[in-house]
């Protein structure tokens, strides 16, 4: 609720309107911002970037705009450490950032505010959360490493880099928090 109220306040300030004005004239922008920040709005799908929609990939489920499992359907891809997701375009595209969504056990039934219960033992990271990954771009026929991230601990992963003209993007899971588990990824989107 707090995130929705804060987002509505930002939209209202940017448009010089009231909360009612956001509802009357800017509701689609408000909803799109919430979805972009990984808020789930039932029966309201997030729009996938046109760049991502145009790409061919070895994991099409990652382009479906569903950032979580719904109705007991698995809307993600499972990757072992060392496996890659490839997005390919027929001509060079300008790519300067990404938005990934990882599985962090949102459906886990024992989520509580442990700090209020006086529980001091550490909680393990979700076993299927990628711990380390690399993002690369194929520019003029050669691979360039754009980003390597270690100790990933968040569900919504957004990063930017100096834009490149690429025909292929590759993200490789290098490690998973539980070495015996597979990484579970819901969304890989480039912009």
Protein backbone atom coordinates (compact mmCIF):
# COMPACT_ATOMS: atom_id res chain seq x y z
CA UNK A 1 0.00 0.00 0.00
CA UNK A 2 2.80 2.42 0.88
CA UNK A 3 4.50 1.90 -2.47
CA UNK A 4 1.25 2.62 -4.33
CA UNK A 5 0.61 5.77 -2.30
CA UNK A 6 4.16 7.01 -2.84
CA UNK A 7 4.01 6.29 -6.56
CA UNK A 8 0.66 8.11 -6.83
CA UNK A 9 2.18 11.10 -5.01
CA UNK A 10 5.10 11.22 -7.46
CA UNK A 11 2.78 11.06 -10.48
CA UNK A 12 0.56 13.77 -8.95
CA UNK A 13 3.55 16.07 -8.33
CA UNK A 14 4.96 15.53 -11.81
CA UNK A 15 1.64 16.42 -13.42
CA UNK A 16 0.66 19.15 -10.95
CA UNK A 17 -2.55 17.38 -10.01
CA UNK A 18 -4.30 15.76 -7.07
CA UNK A 19 -4.60 12.06 -6.21
CA UNK A 20 -8.04 12.18 -7.85
CA UNK A 21 -6.39 13.71 -10.94
CA UNK A 22 -4.00 10.76 -11.07
CA UNK A 23 -6.99 8.41 -11.07
CA UNK A 24 -8.91 10.44 -13.67
CA UNK A 25 -6.11 11.29 -16.12
CA UNK A 26 -2.93 9.36 -15.36
CA UNK A 27 -4.04 5.93 -14.17
CA UNK A 28 -2.23 4.01 -16.95
CA UNK A 29 1.07 5.75 -16.15
CA UNK A 30 0.55 5.05 -12.44
CA UNK A 31 -0.15 1.35 -13.11
CA UNK A 32 2.81 1.06 -15.49
CA UNK A 33 5.16 2.52 -12.86
CA UNK A 34 3.96 0.06 -10.24
CA UNK A 35 4.38 -2.88 -12.62
CA UNK A 36 7.86 -1.66 -13.57
CA UNK A 37 8.75 -1.73 -9.86
CA UNK A 38 7.59 -5.38 -9.60
CA UNK A 39 4.22 -4.70 -7.97
CA UNK A 40 1.63 -7.26 -9.01
CA UNK A 41 -1.73 -5.91 -10.21
CA UNK A 42 -4.13 -8.83 -10.77
CA UNK A 43 -5.24 -9.28 -14.40
CA UNK A 44 -3.15 -6.32 -15.55
CA UNK A 45 -0.05 -7.47 -17.46
CA UNK A 46 3.11 -5.40 -17.66
CA UNK A 47 4.11 -4.18 -21.12
CA UNK A 48 7.35 -5.74 -22.34
CA UNK A 49 9.77 -3.32 -24.01
CA UNK A 50 9.56 -3.31 -27.82
CA UNK A 51 13.27 -4.15 -27.97
CA UNK A 52 12.72 -7.29 -25.89
CA UNK A 53 9.62 -8.26 -27.87
CA UNK A 54 11.57 -8.11 -31.16
CA UNK A 55 14.33 -10.43 -29.92
CA UNK A 56 14.64 -14.13 -30.68
CA UNK A 57 15.64 -16.10 -27.61
CA UNK A 58 16.35 -19.59 -26.38
CA UNK A 59 13.93 -18.96 -23.46
CA UNK A 60 10.73 -17.28 -24.82
CA UNK A 61 9.00 -17.61 -21.42
CA UNK A 62 11.26 -14.78 -20.20
CA UNK A 63 9.49 -12.38 -22.60
CA UNK A 64 5.91 -13.09 -21.45
CA UNK A 65 5.57 -10.12 -19.02
CA UNK A 66 4.68 -12.40 -16.08
CA UNK A 67 7.17 -11.73 -13.31
CA UNK A 68 5.98 -14.50 -10.98
CA UNK A 69 4.26 -17.88 -10.99
CA UNK A 70 0.49 -17.56 -11.41
CA UNK A 71 -2.29 -20.12 -11.21
CA UNK A 72 0.32 -22.79 -10.45
CA UNK A 73 1.99 -22.14 -13.82
CA UNK A 74 5.76 -21.75 -13.88
CA UNK A 75 6.43 -18.50 -15.72
CA UNK A 76 10.20 -18.70 -15.48
CA UNK A 77 13.24 -20.49 -16.79
CA UNK A 78 15.52 -22.76 -14.77
CA UNK A 79 19.24 -22.43 -15.52
CA UNK A 80 22.24 -24.26 -14.13
CA UNK A 81 25.41 -22.34 -13.31
CA UNK A 82 27.21 -21.81 -16.61
CA UNK A 83 24.04 -21.68 -18.72
CA UNK A 84 23.18 -18.59 -20.75
CA UNK A 85 20.09 -16.82 -22.01
CA UNK A 86 20.57 -15.37 -25.50
CA UNK A 87 18.56 -12.54 -27.06
CA UNK A 88 19.26 -11.93 -30.74
CA UNK A 89 18.13 -9.23 -33.17
CA UNK A 90 18.32 -9.19 -36.98
CA UNK A 91 20.09 -5.81 -36.96
CA UNK A 92 22.13 -3.87 -34.38
CA UNK A 93 20.05 -2.35 -31.59
CA UNK A 94 21.01 0.32 -29.06
CA UNK A 95 20.97 -1.31 -25.63
CA UNK A 96 21.85 0.55 -22.45
CA UNK A 97 20.09 -1.17 -19.56
CA UNK A 98 18.32 -4.26 -18.35
CA UNK A 99 15.51 -5.31 -16.05
CA UNK A 100 15.66 -8.85 -14.68
CA UNK A 101 13.30 -10.48 -12.19
CA UNK A 102 14.49 -13.47 -10.16
CA UNK A 103 12.58 -15.93 -7.98
CA UNK A 104 12.96 -15.09 -4.29
CA UNK A 105 10.30 -17.47 -2.94
CA UNK A 106 7.42 -15.00 -2.82
CA UNK A 107 5.11 -17.97 -2.31
CA UNK A 108 7.00 -19.13 0.79
CA UNK A 109 4.38 -19.36 3.55
CA UNK A 110 6.71 -18.68 6.48
CA UNK A 111 7.57 -15.06 5.61
CA UNK A 112 7.34 -13.01 8.76
CA UNK A 113 8.91 -9.90 10.21
CA UNK A 114 11.54 -11.85 12.09
CA UNK A 115 13.04 -8.71 13.62
CA UNK A 116 9.81 -8.21 15.58
CA UNK A 117 9.88 -11.78 16.88
CA UNK A 118 13.35 -11.56 18.37
CA UNK A 119 14.67 -14.25 16.02
CA UNK A 120 18.38 -13.67 15.61
CA UNK A 121 19.60 -16.61 13.52
CA UNK A 122 20.39 -15.69 9.93
CA UNK A 123 18.07 -16.77 7.17
CA UNK A 124 19.53 -18.35 4.06
CA UNK A 125 19.16 -16.69 0.69
CA UNK A 126 16.57 -18.31 -1.61
CA UNK A 127 18.33 -21.35 -3.09
CA UNK A 128 17.26 -20.59 -6.69
CA UNK A 129 18.38 -16.95 -6.65
CA UNK A 130 21.34 -16.32 -8.97
CA UNK A 131 24.33 -15.31 -6.88
CA UNK A 132 26.60 -14.18 -9.70
CA UNK A 133 26.00 -13.39 -13.36
CA UNK A 134 27.62 -11.82 -16.39
CA UNK A 135 26.01 -9.71 -19.12
CA UNK A 136 27.72 -9.57 -22.51
CA UNK A 137 26.94 -7.95 -25.87
CA UNK A 138 28.01 -9.00 -29.35
CA UNK A 139 29.17 -5.77 -30.99
CA UNK A 140 30.49 -5.90 -34.55
CA UNK A 141 30.92 -9.66 -34.27
CA UNK A 142 32.90 -9.73 -31.01
CA UNK A 143 31.77 -10.22 -27.41
CA UNK A 144 32.11 -7.38 -24.89
CA UNK A 145 31.55 -7.89 -21.19
CA UNK A 146 29.18 -5.16 -19.98
CA UNK A 147 28.65 -6.20 -16.39
CA UNK A 148 29.56 -8.90 -13.92
CA UNK A 149 27.63 -8.83 -10.66
CA UNK A 150 28.37 -10.85 -7.52
CA UNK A 151 26.35 -11.40 -4.33
CA UNK A 152 22.99 -10.67 -5.92
CA UNK A 153 20.40 -10.52 -3.17
CA UNK A 154 17.38 -8.86 -4.78
CA UNK A 155 14.40 -10.00 -6.80
CA UNK A 156 14.25 -6.94 -9.09
CA UNK A 157 17.62 -6.42 -10.76
CA UNK A 158 18.04 -3.25 -12.86
CA UNK A 159 21.36 -2.08 -14.22
CA UNK A 160 22.58 0.46 -16.78
CA UNK A 161 25.76 0.76 -18.83
CA UNK A 162 27.10 2.90 -21.64
CA UNK A 163 24.76 2.06 -24.55
CA UNK A 164 26.11 -0.33 -27.18
CA UNK A 165 24.99 -1.28 -30.69
CA UNK A 166 24.52 -5.04 -30.33
CA UNK A 167 22.98 -7.85 -32.35
CA UNK A 168 23.13 -10.39 -29.51
CA UNK A 169 22.92 -10.09 -25.72
CA UNK A 170 23.96 -12.93 -23.44
CA UNK A 171 23.42 -13.26 -19.70
CA UNK A 172 25.19 -16.18 -18.04
CA UNK A 173 24.41 -17.45 -14.56
CA UNK A 174 27.82 -17.99 -12.98
CA UNK A 175 26.67 -19.16 -9.54
CA UNK A 176 23.47 -19.82 -7.59
CA UNK A 177 23.06 -19.23 -3.83
CA UNK A 178 22.55 -22.96 -3.31
CA UNK A 179 25.29 -24.61 -5.37
CA UNK A 180 23.10 -27.71 -5.79
CA UNK A 181 20.14 -25.73 -7.15
CA UNK A 182 19.19 -24.21 -10.49
CA UNK A 183 18.61 -20.48 -10.91
CA UNK A 184 14.96 -19.52 -11.49
CA UNK A 185 14.50 -16.39 -13.60
CA UNK A 186 11.15 -14.80 -14.51
CA UNK A 187 12.14 -11.90 -16.73
CA UNK A 188 15.09 -10.77 -18.81
CA UNK A 189 14.34 -7.49 -20.51
CA UNK A 190 16.64 -5.09 -22.36
CA UNK A 191 16.11 -1.45 -23.21
